[in-house]
């Protein structure tokens, strides 16, 4: 467990306007919960392509709301002595409640709460899952939970029940205007005064936000660390050298998108999907995939 006070805000995030608008509305309710006399927002589950900003968003929620961020790594909960893993989780959740109001970021949920065979772990996984689900459902303390996962199919279906999360959001690879916004924010963050050109935006199709930032960093390194020597050609050249993860894992990404079409809300503004039925079969037409 680690408690942080991030300075990152939602304004530092490029794209994902639907998610950012949703969070801005919940902020008002969360911070005024006593005056309004209603239950505070519970939290969100973020599913997405690796490198698309799930960690960044978790930090930005706490930074924007000006409350502490408590980070939990589920893989660190497991201990060999009998009952120690369950005790670790209970102790961690007690710490979270003592730090409230706060944001609890549970990073890569599948590391600690994936479906397991109780015959291989003595039922520890199921007991941990039960403890966390009870906390998600029944807590009354002002703790906003952001859970992140790269593959929600590894998690038990109990995680998806309404009442445990306010919403499940899917973070897809950024589209053209989102990539422009992301590049503008990355360049500003690194102190590079270069306009984002159409070749940069066009050539970076299927890049994640992390891959866009790494390309900018590569351009800085190639210039010897002198940001004033970084121009649009240096950034374009760095993009050309980058092979995005989406090329190697296209099948896995498409599987995530297929699941998200019916179970999650898109974090970005994008054209509406049309669902039609032909001969008893379901067909989806969308410009987002």
C-alpha atoms as a PDB file:
ATOM      1  CA  UNK A   1       0.000   0.000   0.000  1.00  0.00           C
ATOM      2  CA  UNK A   2       1.222   3.480  -0.833  1.00  0.00           C
ATOM      3  CA  UNK A   3      -0.408   6.857  -0.201  1.00  0.00           C
ATOM      4  CA  UNK A   4       0.290   9.616  -2.710  1.00  0.00           C
ATOM      5  CA  UNK A   5      -0.874  13.163  -3.402  1.00  0.00           C
ATOM      6  CA  UNK A   6      -0.818  13.425  -7.226  1.00  0.00           C
ATOM      7  CA  UNK A   7      -0.581  16.773  -8.980  1.00  0.00           C
ATOM      8  CA  UNK A   8      -1.900  15.278 -12.219  1.00  0.00           C
ATOM      9  CA  UNK A   9      -5.440  16.377 -13.069  1.00  0.00           C
ATOM     10  CA  UNK A  10      -8.060  15.404 -15.624  1.00  0.00           C
ATOM     11  CA  UNK A  11      -7.047  18.435 -17.679  1.00  0.00           C
ATOM     12  CA  UNK A  12      -3.676  16.769 -18.280  1.00  0.00           C
ATOM     13  CA  UNK A  13      -5.362  13.867 -20.081  1.00  0.00           C
ATOM     14  CA  UNK A  14      -5.871  13.990 -23.833  1.00  0.00           C
ATOM     15  CA  UNK A  15      -9.077  12.462 -25.168  1.00  0.00           C
ATOM     16  CA  UNK A  16     -11.544  10.333 -23.176  1.00  0.00           C
ATOM     17  CA  UNK A  17     -13.993  13.216 -22.964  1.00  0.00           C
ATOM     18  CA  UNK A  18     -16.970  11.035 -21.994  1.00  0.00           C
ATOM     19  CA  UNK A  19     -15.095   9.644 -18.993  1.00  0.00           C
ATOM     20  CA  UNK A  20     -13.748  13.051 -17.963  1.00  0.00           C
ATOM     21  CA  UNK A  21     -17.228  14.628 -18.092  1.00  0.00           C
ATOM     22  CA  UNK A  22     -18.619  11.727 -16.064  1.00  0.00           C
ATOM     23  CA  UNK A  23     -15.939  12.174 -13.399  1.00  0.00           C
ATOM     24  CA  UNK A  24     -16.491  15.923 -13.174  1.00  0.00           C
ATOM     25  CA  UNK A  25     -20.157  15.352 -12.326  1.00  0.00           C
ATOM     26  CA  UNK A  26     -19.296  12.712  -9.695  1.00  0.00           C
ATOM     27  CA  UNK A  27     -16.731  15.005  -8.120  1.00  0.00           C
ATOM     28  CA  UNK A  28     -19.416  17.460  -7.052  1.00  0.00           C
ATOM     29  CA  UNK A  29     -21.513  14.712  -5.480  1.00  0.00           C
ATOM     30  CA  UNK A  30     -18.545  13.028  -3.786  1.00  0.00           C
ATOM     31  CA  UNK A  31     -17.204  16.190  -2.180  1.00  0.00           C
ATOM     32  CA  UNK A  32     -20.678  17.407  -1.100  1.00  0.00           C
ATOM     33  CA  UNK A  33     -22.100  14.041  -0.043  1.00  0.00           C
ATOM     34  CA  UNK A  34     -22.907  15.222   3.513  1.00  0.00           C
ATOM     35  CA  UNK A  35     -24.801  18.321   2.420  1.00  0.00           C
ATOM     36  CA  UNK A  36     -26.726  16.456  -0.262  1.00  0.00           C
ATOM     37  CA  UNK A  37     -27.734  13.610   2.022  1.00  0.00           C
ATOM     38  CA  UNK A  38     -27.147  10.911  -0.599  1.00  0.00           C
ATOM     39  CA  UNK A  39     -24.739   8.014  -0.949  1.00  0.00           C
ATOM     40  CA  UNK A  40     -21.333   8.884  -2.341  1.00  0.00           C
ATOM     41  CA  UNK A  41     -20.237   7.514  -5.751  1.00  0.00           C
ATOM     42  CA  UNK A  42     -18.658   4.079  -5.381  1.00  0.00           C
ATOM     43  CA  UNK A  43     -16.119   4.031  -8.202  1.00  0.00           C
ATOM     44  CA  UNK A  44     -15.280   2.870 -11.699  1.00  0.00           C
ATOM     45  CA  UNK A  45     -13.730  -0.159 -13.342  1.00  0.00           C
ATOM     46  CA  UNK A  46     -11.360   0.696 -16.195  1.00  0.00           C
ATOM     47  CA  UNK A  47     -10.794  -1.876 -18.904  1.00  0.00           C
ATOM     48  CA  UNK A  48      -8.495  -1.068 -21.760  1.00  0.00           C
ATOM     49  CA  UNK A  49      -5.657  -1.677 -24.132  1.00  0.00           C
ATOM     50  CA  UNK A  50      -2.278  -1.600 -22.330  1.00  0.00           C
ATOM     51  CA  UNK A  51      -0.716   1.853 -22.461  1.00  0.00           C
ATOM     52  CA  UNK A  52      -3.980   3.744 -22.895  1.00  0.00           C
ATOM     53  CA  UNK A  53      -3.830   5.672 -19.636  1.00  0.00           C
ATOM     54  CA  UNK A  54      -5.611   3.638 -16.959  1.00  0.00           C
ATOM     55  CA  UNK A  55      -2.903   4.403 -14.401  1.00  0.00           C
ATOM     56  CA  UNK A  56      -2.740   8.061 -15.448  1.00  0.00           C
ATOM     57  CA  UNK A  57      -6.507   8.439 -15.037  1.00  0.00           C
ATOM     58  CA  UNK A  58      -6.412   6.852 -11.574  1.00  0.00           C
ATOM     59  CA  UNK A  59      -3.888   9.465 -10.469  1.00  0.00           C
ATOM     60  CA  UNK A  60      -5.763  12.279 -12.192  1.00  0.00           C
ATOM     61  CA  UNK A  61      -8.998  11.524 -10.302  1.00  0.00           C
ATOM     62  CA  UNK A  62      -7.253  12.031  -6.957  1.00  0.00           C
ATOM     63  CA  UNK A  63      -5.362  15.074  -8.236  1.00  0.00           C
ATOM     64  CA  UNK A  64      -8.485  16.740  -9.611  1.00  0.00           C
ATOM     65  CA  UNK A  65     -10.524  16.002  -6.500  1.00  0.00           C
ATOM     66  CA  UNK A  66      -7.611  17.093  -4.240  1.00  0.00           C
ATOM     67  CA  UNK A  67      -7.765  14.003  -2.045  1.00  0.00           C
ATOM     68  CA  UNK A  68      -5.153  11.301  -1.305  1.00  0.00           C
ATOM     69  CA  UNK A  69      -4.554   8.384  -3.654  1.00  0.00           C
ATOM     70  CA  UNK A  70      -4.061   4.993  -2.009  1.00  0.00           C
ATOM     71  CA  UNK A  71      -2.536   2.449  -4.375  1.00  0.00           C
ATOM     72  CA  UNK A  72      -3.050  -1.272  -3.805  1.00  0.00           C
ATOM     73  CA  UNK A  73      -1.099  -3.947  -5.689  1.00  0.00           C
ATOM     74  CA  UNK A  74      -3.188  -7.159  -5.349  1.00  0.00           C
ATOM     75  CA  UNK A  75      -0.186  -9.397  -5.991  1.00  0.00           C
ATOM     76  CA  UNK A  76       1.380  -8.185  -2.721  1.00  0.00           C
ATOM     77  CA  UNK A  77      -1.529  -9.475  -0.650  1.00  0.00           C
ATOM     78  CA  UNK A  78      -0.540 -13.125  -0.867  1.00  0.00           C
ATOM     79  CA  UNK A  79       1.503 -14.668   1.957  1.00  0.00           C
ATOM     80  CA  UNK A  80       2.313 -18.305   2.692  1.00  0.00           C
ATOM     81  CA  UNK A  81       1.151 -18.602   6.352  1.00  0.00           C
ATOM     82  CA  UNK A  82      -2.425 -19.795   6.774  1.00  0.00           C
ATOM     83  CA  UNK A  83      -4.840 -16.848   6.892  1.00  0.00           C
ATOM     84  CA  UNK A  84      -2.123 -14.254   6.316  1.00  0.00           C
ATOM     85  CA  UNK A  85      -3.369 -13.215   2.860  1.00  0.00           C
ATOM     86  CA  UNK A  86      -6.872 -12.514   4.128  1.00  0.00           C
ATOM     87  CA  UNK A  87      -5.450 -10.583   7.064  1.00  0.00           C
ATOM     88  CA  UNK A  88      -3.297  -8.518   4.696  1.00  0.00           C
ATOM     89  CA  UNK A  89      -6.377  -7.501   2.705  1.00  0.00           C
ATOM     90  CA  UNK A  90      -8.438  -6.643   5.781  1.00  0.00           C
ATOM     91  CA  UNK A  91      -5.570  -4.564   7.169  1.00  0.00           C
ATOM     92  CA  UNK A  92      -5.192  -2.755   3.837  1.00  0.00           C
ATOM     93  CA  UNK A  93      -8.903  -1.944   3.635  1.00  0.00           C
ATOM     94  CA  UNK A  94      -8.894  -0.641   7.213  1.00  0.00           C
ATOM     95  CA  UNK A  95      -6.006   1.642   6.269  1.00  0.00           C
ATOM     96  CA  UNK A  96      -7.946   2.893   3.250  1.00  0.00           C
ATOM     97  CA  UNK A  97     -10.952   3.781   5.377  1.00  0.00           C
ATOM     98  CA  UNK A  98      -8.763   5.609   7.887  1.00  0.00           C
ATOM     99  CA  UNK A  99      -7.358   7.706   5.016  1.00  0.00           C
ATOM    100  CA  UNK A 100     -10.782   8.637   3.624  1.00  0.00           C
ATOM    101  CA  UNK A 101     -11.935  10.676   1.848  1.00  0.00           C
ATOM    102  CA  UNK A 102      -9.588   9.203  -0.720  1.00  0.00           C
ATOM    103  CA  UNK A 103      -9.282   7.420  -4.029  1.00  0.00           C
ATOM    104  CA  UNK A 104      -8.362   3.732  -3.813  1.00  0.00           C
ATOM    105  CA  UNK A 105      -6.571   2.550  -6.938  1.00  0.00           C
ATOM    106  CA  UNK A 106      -6.514  -1.242  -7.265  1.00  0.00           C
ATOM    107  CA  UNK A 107      -4.037  -1.810 -10.060  1.00  0.00           C
ATOM    108  CA  UNK A 108      -4.347  -4.857 -12.346  1.00  0.00           C
ATOM    109  CA  UNK A 109      -7.144  -6.603 -10.505  1.00  0.00           C
ATOM    110  CA  UNK A 110      -6.517  -9.840 -12.350  1.00  0.00           C
ATOM    111  CA  UNK A 111      -3.217 -10.266 -10.482  1.00  0.00           C
ATOM    112  CA  UNK A 112      -4.999 -10.927  -7.223  1.00  0.00           C
ATOM    113  CA  UNK A 113      -8.624 -11.703  -7.970  1.00  0.00           C
ATOM    114  CA  UNK A 114      -8.651 -13.823 -11.116  1.00  0.00           C
ATOM    115  CA  UNK A 115     -10.733 -16.990 -11.191  1.00  0.00           C
ATOM    116  CA  UNK A 116      -8.683 -19.773  -9.575  1.00  0.00           C
ATOM    117  CA  UNK A 117      -9.151 -23.398  -8.675  1.00  0.00           C
ATOM    118  CA  UNK A 118      -9.607 -23.635  -4.871  1.00  0.00           C
ATOM    119  CA  UNK A 119      -7.821 -26.980  -4.975  1.00  0.00           C
ATOM    120  CA  UNK A 120      -4.580 -25.247  -5.971  1.00  0.00           C
ATOM    121  CA  UNK A 121      -4.581 -22.378  -3.451  1.00  0.00           C
ATOM    122  CA  UNK A 122      -6.616 -23.798  -0.609  1.00  0.00           C
ATOM    123  CA  UNK A 123      -9.488 -21.411  -1.284  1.00  0.00           C
ATOM    124  CA  UNK A 124      -7.427 -18.292  -0.514  1.00  0.00           C
ATOM    125  CA  UNK A 125      -8.436 -16.629  -3.782  1.00  0.00           C
ATOM    126  CA  UNK A 126     -12.155 -17.087  -3.085  1.00  0.00           C
ATOM    127  CA  UNK A 127     -11.830 -15.733   0.452  1.00  0.00           C
ATOM    128  CA  UNK A 128      -9.930 -12.679  -0.764  1.00  0.00           C
ATOM    129  CA  UNK A 129     -12.534 -12.127  -3.452  1.00  0.00           C
ATOM    130  CA  UNK A 130     -15.369 -12.364  -0.928  1.00  0.00           C
ATOM    131  CA  UNK A 131     -13.725  -9.818   1.360  1.00  0.00           C
ATOM    132  CA  UNK A 132     -13.173  -7.335  -1.455  1.00  0.00           C
ATOM    133  CA  UNK A 133     -16.677  -7.758  -2.886  1.00  0.00           C
ATOM    134  CA  UNK A 134     -18.177  -7.064   0.539  1.00  0.00           C
ATOM    135  CA  UNK A 135     -16.101  -3.896   0.785  1.00  0.00           C
ATOM    136  CA  UNK A 136     -17.137  -2.783  -2.702  1.00  0.00           C
ATOM    137  CA  UNK A 137     -20.809  -3.306  -1.914  1.00  0.00           C
ATOM    138  CA  UNK A 138     -21.222  -2.340   1.720  1.00  0.00           C
ATOM    139  CA  UNK A 139     -18.696   0.340   2.687  1.00  0.00           C
ATOM    140  CA  UNK A 140     -20.126   3.624   3.914  1.00  0.00           C
ATOM    141  CA  UNK A 141     -16.862   5.562   4.123  1.00  0.00           C
ATOM    142  CA  UNK A 142     -16.033   8.124   1.383  1.00  0.00           C
ATOM    143  CA  UNK A 143     -13.690   5.942  -0.664  1.00  0.00           C
ATOM    144  CA  UNK A 144     -13.872   6.226  -4.462  1.00  0.00           C
ATOM    145  CA  UNK A 145     -12.417   3.071  -6.001  1.00  0.00           C
ATOM    146  CA  UNK A 146     -10.705   2.958  -9.387  1.00  0.00           C
ATOM    147  CA  UNK A 147     -10.064  -0.622 -10.444  1.00  0.00           C
ATOM    148  CA  UNK A 148      -7.948  -1.281 -13.532  1.00  0.00           C
ATOM    149  CA  UNK A 149      -7.564  -4.414 -15.611  1.00  0.00           C
ATOM    150  CA  UNK A 150      -6.024  -5.336 -18.939  1.00  0.00           C
ATOM    151  CA  UNK A 151      -8.244  -8.406 -19.389  1.00  0.00           C
ATOM    152  CA  UNK A 152     -11.575  -8.394 -17.617  1.00  0.00           C
ATOM    153  CA  UNK A 153     -12.312 -11.905 -18.878  1.00  0.00           C
ATOM    154  CA  UNK A 154      -9.948 -13.238 -16.215  1.00  0.00           C
ATOM    155  CA  UNK A 155     -12.100 -11.771 -13.435  1.00  0.00           C
ATOM    156  CA  UNK A 156     -15.138 -13.493 -11.905  1.00  0.00           C
ATOM    157  CA  UNK A 157     -18.534 -12.265 -13.028  1.00  0.00           C
ATOM    158  CA  UNK A 158     -19.298 -11.070  -9.489  1.00  0.00           C
ATOM    159  CA  UNK A 159     -17.089  -8.053 -10.164  1.00  0.00           C
ATOM    160  CA  UNK A 160     -19.468  -6.757 -12.791  1.00  0.00           C
ATOM    161  CA  UNK A 161     -22.624  -6.493 -10.721  1.00  0.00           C
ATOM    162  CA  UNK A 162     -24.243  -3.070 -10.506  1.00  0.00           C
ATOM    163  CA  UNK A 163     -23.876  -1.558  -7.075  1.00  0.00           C
ATOM    164  CA  UNK A 164     -20.221  -2.502  -6.787  1.00  0.00           C
ATOM    165  CA  UNK A 165     -19.146  -0.053  -9.487  1.00  0.00           C
ATOM    166  CA  UNK A 166     -20.984   2.995 -10.745  1.00  0.00           C
ATOM    167  CA  UNK A 167     -19.741   2.312 -14.260  1.00  0.00           C
ATOM    168  CA  UNK A 168     -17.378   0.162 -16.320  1.00  0.00           C
ATOM    169  CA  UNK A 169     -15.428   2.159 -18.926  1.00  0.00           C
ATOM    170  CA  UNK A 170     -13.492   0.831 -21.896  1.00  0.00           C
ATOM    171  CA  UNK A 171     -10.374   2.765 -22.951  1.00  0.00           C
ATOM    172  CA  UNK A 172      -9.656   2.044 -26.605  1.00  0.00           C
ATOM    173  CA  UNK A 173      -6.740   3.188 -28.747  1.00  0.00           C
ATOM    174  CA  UNK A 174      -7.084   6.933 -29.384  1.00  0.00           C
ATOM    175  CA  UNK A 175      -8.588   8.108 -32.646  1.00  0.00           C
ATOM    176  CA  UNK A 176      -7.212  10.939 -34.781  1.00  0.00           C
ATOM    177  CA  UNK A 177      -8.343  13.988 -32.811  1.00  0.00           C
ATOM    178  CA  UNK A 178      -7.533  12.274 -29.543  1.00  0.00           C
ATOM    179  CA  UNK A 179      -4.007  11.540 -30.741  1.00  0.00           C
ATOM    180  CA  UNK A 180      -3.608  15.197 -31.652  1.00  0.00           C
ATOM    181  CA  UNK A 181      -4.746  16.240 -28.177  1.00  0.00           C
ATOM    182  CA  UNK A 182      -2.504  13.649 -26.494  1.00  0.00           C
ATOM    183  CA  UNK A 183       0.552  14.740 -28.508  1.00  0.00           C
ATOM    184  CA  UNK A 184      -0.111  18.403 -27.701  1.00  0.00           C
ATOM    185  CA  UNK A 185      -0.235  17.651 -23.980  1.00  0.00           C
ATOM    186  CA  UNK A 186       2.867  15.434 -24.105  1.00  0.00           C
ATOM    187  CA  UNK A 187       4.873  18.107 -25.944  1.00  0.00           C
ATOM    188  CA  UNK A 188       3.735  20.787 -23.504  1.00  0.00           C
ATOM    189  CA  UNK A 189       4.592  18.574 -20.534  1.00  0.00           C
ATOM    190  CA  UNK A 190       8.137  18.097 -21.851  1.00  0.00           C
ATOM    191  CA  UNK A 191       8.602  21.765 -22.723  1.00  0.00           C
ATOM    192  CA  UNK A 192       8.734  21.276 -26.507  1.00  0.00           C
ATOM    193  CA  UNK A 193       7.293  24.160 -28.517  1.00  0.00           C
ATOM    194  CA  UNK A 194       6.420  22.303 -31.716  1.00  0.00           C
ATOM    195  CA  UNK A 195       3.014  22.245 -33.435  1.00  0.00           C
ATOM    196  CA  UNK A 196       1.417  18.850 -33.924  1.00  0.00           C
ATOM    197  CA  UNK A 197       1.346  18.232 -37.666  1.00  0.00           C
ATOM    198  CA  UNK A 198      -1.031  16.091 -39.679  1.00  0.00           C
ATOM    199  CA  UNK A 199       1.750  13.616 -40.621  1.00  0.00           C
ATOM    200  CA  UNK A 200       2.375  13.010 -36.906  1.00  0.00           C
ATOM    201  CA  UNK A 201      -1.299  12.376 -36.255  1.00  0.00           C
ATOM    202  CA  UNK A 202      -1.834  10.272 -39.350  1.00  0.00           C
ATOM    203  CA  UNK A 203       1.224   8.087 -38.986  1.00  0.00           C
ATOM    204  CA  UNK A 204       0.512   7.368 -35.313  1.00  0.00           C
ATOM    205  CA  UNK A 205      -2.711   5.474 -36.038  1.00  0.00           C
ATOM    206  CA  UNK A 206      -3.158   2.526 -33.636  1.00  0.00           C
ATOM    207  CA  UNK A 207      -0.607   3.992 -31.203  1.00  0.00           C
ATOM    208  CA  UNK A 208      -1.432   4.065 -27.500  1.00  0.00           C
ATOM    209  CA  UNK A 209      -0.832   7.161 -25.396  1.00  0.00           C
ATOM    210  CA  UNK A 210       2.196   5.494 -23.791  1.00  0.00           C
ATOM    211  CA  UNK A 211       3.687   4.782 -27.225  1.00  0.00           C
ATOM    212  CA  UNK A 212       3.146   8.389 -28.294  1.00  0.00           C
ATOM    213  CA  UNK A 213       4.983   9.620 -25.202  1.00  0.00           C
ATOM    214  CA  UNK A 214       7.816   7.163 -25.727  1.00  0.00           C
ATOM    215  CA  UNK A 215       8.264   8.422 -29.290  1.00  0.00           C
ATOM    216  CA  UNK A 216       8.552  12.001 -28.014  1.00  0.00           C
ATOM    217  CA  UNK A 217      11.091  10.883 -25.405  1.00  0.00           C
ATOM    218  CA  UNK A 218      13.070   9.084 -28.109  1.00  0.00           C
ATOM    219  CA  UNK A 219      13.183  12.323 -30.124  1.00  0.00           C
ATOM    220  CA  UNK A 220      14.498  14.151 -27.029  1.00  0.00           C
ATOM    221  CA  UNK A 221      17.173  11.499 -26.451  1.00  0.00           C
ATOM    222  CA  UNK A 222      18.268  11.624 -30.076  1.00  0.00           C
ATOM    223  CA  UNK A 223      18.699  15.390 -29.773  1.00  0.00           C
ATOM    224  CA  UNK A 224      21.043  14.903 -26.827  1.00  0.00           C
ATOM    225  CA  UNK A 225      18.389  15.996 -24.333  1.00  0.00           C
ATOM    226  CA  UNK A 226      18.188  19.519 -25.830  1.00  0.00           C
ATOM    227  CA  UNK A 227      14.478  20.158 -26.261  1.00  0.00           C
ATOM    228  CA  UNK A 228      15.084  23.229 -28.399  1.00  0.00           C
ATOM    229  CA  UNK A 229      16.572  20.905 -31.035  1.00  0.00           C
ATOM    230  CA  UNK A 230      13.443  18.743 -31.217  1.00  0.00           C
ATOM    231  CA  UNK A 231      11.339  19.608 -34.253  1.00  0.00           C
ATOM    232  CA  UNK A 232       8.415  18.013 -36.034  1.00  0.00           C
ATOM    233  CA  UNK A 233      10.741  15.941 -38.243  1.00  0.00           C
ATOM    234  CA  UNK A 234      12.519  14.407 -35.209  1.00  0.00           C
ATOM    235  CA  UNK A 235       9.193  13.407 -33.684  1.00  0.00           C
ATOM    236  CA  UNK A 236       7.895  12.014 -36.972  1.00  0.00           C
ATOM    237  CA  UNK A 237      11.084   9.989 -37.383  1.00  0.00           C
ATOM    238  CA  UNK A 238      10.683   8.570 -33.867  1.00  0.00           C
ATOM    239  CA  UNK A 239       7.096   7.583 -34.657  1.00  0.00           C
ATOM    240  CA  UNK A 240       8.240   5.806 -37.808  1.00  0.00           C
ATOM    241  CA  UNK A 241      10.665   3.692 -35.788  1.00  0.00           C
ATOM    242  CA  UNK A 242       7.983   2.625 -33.306  1.00  0.00           C
ATOM    243  CA  UNK A 243       6.071  -0.621 -33.820  1.00  0.00           C
ATOM    244  CA  UNK A 244       2.868  -0.281 -31.785  1.00  0.00           C
ATOM    245  CA  UNK A 245       1.755  -3.117 -29.537  1.00  0.00           C
ATOM    246  CA  UNK A 246      -1.564  -3.252 -31.365  1.00  0.00           C
ATOM    247  CA  UNK A 247       0.106  -4.829 -34.412  1.00  0.00           C
ATOM    248  CA  UNK A 248       1.377  -7.817 -32.453  1.00  0.00           C
ATOM    249  CA  UNK A 249      -1.726  -8.295 -30.303  1.00  0.00           C
ATOM    250  CA  UNK A 250      -4.537  -7.382 -32.672  1.00  0.00           C
ATOM    251  CA  UNK A 251      -6.554 -10.503 -31.834  1.00  0.00           C
ATOM    252  CA  UNK A 252      -6.424  -9.847 -28.087  1.00  0.00           C
ATOM    253  CA  UNK A 253      -7.390  -6.202 -28.555  1.00  0.00           C
ATOM    254  CA  UNK A 254     -10.314  -7.127 -30.774  1.00  0.00           C
ATOM    255  CA  UNK A 255     -11.474  -9.617 -28.145  1.00  0.00           C
ATOM    256  CA  UNK A 256     -11.478  -6.827 -25.532  1.00  0.00           C
ATOM    257  CA  UNK A 257     -13.446  -4.591 -27.884  1.00  0.00           C
ATOM    258  CA  UNK A 258     -15.972  -7.324 -28.541  1.00  0.00           C
ATOM    259  CA  UNK A 259     -16.571  -7.788 -24.819  1.00  0.00           C
ATOM    260  CA  UNK A 260     -16.800  -4.037 -24.225  1.00  0.00           C
ATOM    261  CA  UNK A 261     -19.438  -3.516 -26.922  1.00  0.00           C
ATOM    262  CA  UNK A 262     -22.088  -5.118 -24.721  1.00  0.00           C
ATOM    263  CA  UNK A 263     -20.714  -4.744 -21.187  1.00  0.00           C
ATOM    264  CA  UNK A 264     -18.939  -1.396 -20.899  1.00  0.00           C
ATOM    265  CA  UNK A 265     -19.242   2.266 -21.752  1.00  0.00           C
ATOM    266  CA  UNK A 266     -16.795   3.873 -24.166  1.00  0.00           C
ATOM    267  CA  UNK A 267     -14.568   6.456 -22.499  1.00  0.00           C
ATOM    268  CA  UNK A 268     -14.309   8.423 -25.742  1.00  0.00           C
ATOM    269  CA  UNK A 269     -16.775  10.152 -27.970  1.00  0.00           C
ATOM    270  CA  UNK A 270     -17.190   8.034 -31.038  1.00  0.00           C
ATOM    271  CA  UNK A 271     -19.721   7.173 -33.748  1.00  0.00           C
ATOM    272  CA  UNK A 272     -22.617   5.070 -32.535  1.00  0.00           C
ATOM    273  CA  UNK A 273     -22.609   1.387 -33.357  1.00  0.00           C
ATOM    274  CA  UNK A 274     -25.507  -0.001 -35.349  1.00  0.00           C
ATOM    275  CA  UNK A 275     -26.707  -3.442 -34.341  1.00  0.00           C
ATOM    276  CA  UNK A 276     -28.730  -5.384 -36.848  1.00  0.00           C
ATOM    277  CA  UNK A 277     -30.050  -8.903 -37.005  1.00  0.00           C
ATOM    278  CA  UNK A 278     -29.886 -10.974 -40.151  1.00  0.00           C
ATOM    279  CA  UNK A 279     -31.204 -14.522 -40.249  1.00  0.00           C
ATOM    280  CA  UNK A 280     -31.139 -14.727 -36.482  1.00  0.00           C
ATOM    281  CA  UNK A 281     -27.494 -13.634 -36.249  1.00  0.00           C
ATOM    282  CA  UNK A 282     -26.249 -10.494 -34.577  1.00  0.00           C
ATOM    283  CA  UNK A 283     -24.117  -8.101 -36.625  1.00  0.00           C
ATOM    284  CA  UNK A 284     -22.368  -4.949 -35.483  1.00  0.00           C
ATOM    285  CA  UNK A 285     -21.260  -2.099 -37.704  1.00  0.00           C
ATOM    286  CA  UNK A 286     -19.086   0.517 -36.110  1.00  0.00           C
ATOM    287  CA  UNK A 287     -16.358   2.958 -37.086  1.00  0.00           C
ATOM    288  CA  UNK A 288     -14.677   2.449 -33.736  1.00  0.00           C
ATOM    289  CA  UNK A 289     -13.130  -0.932 -34.445  1.00  0.00           C
END
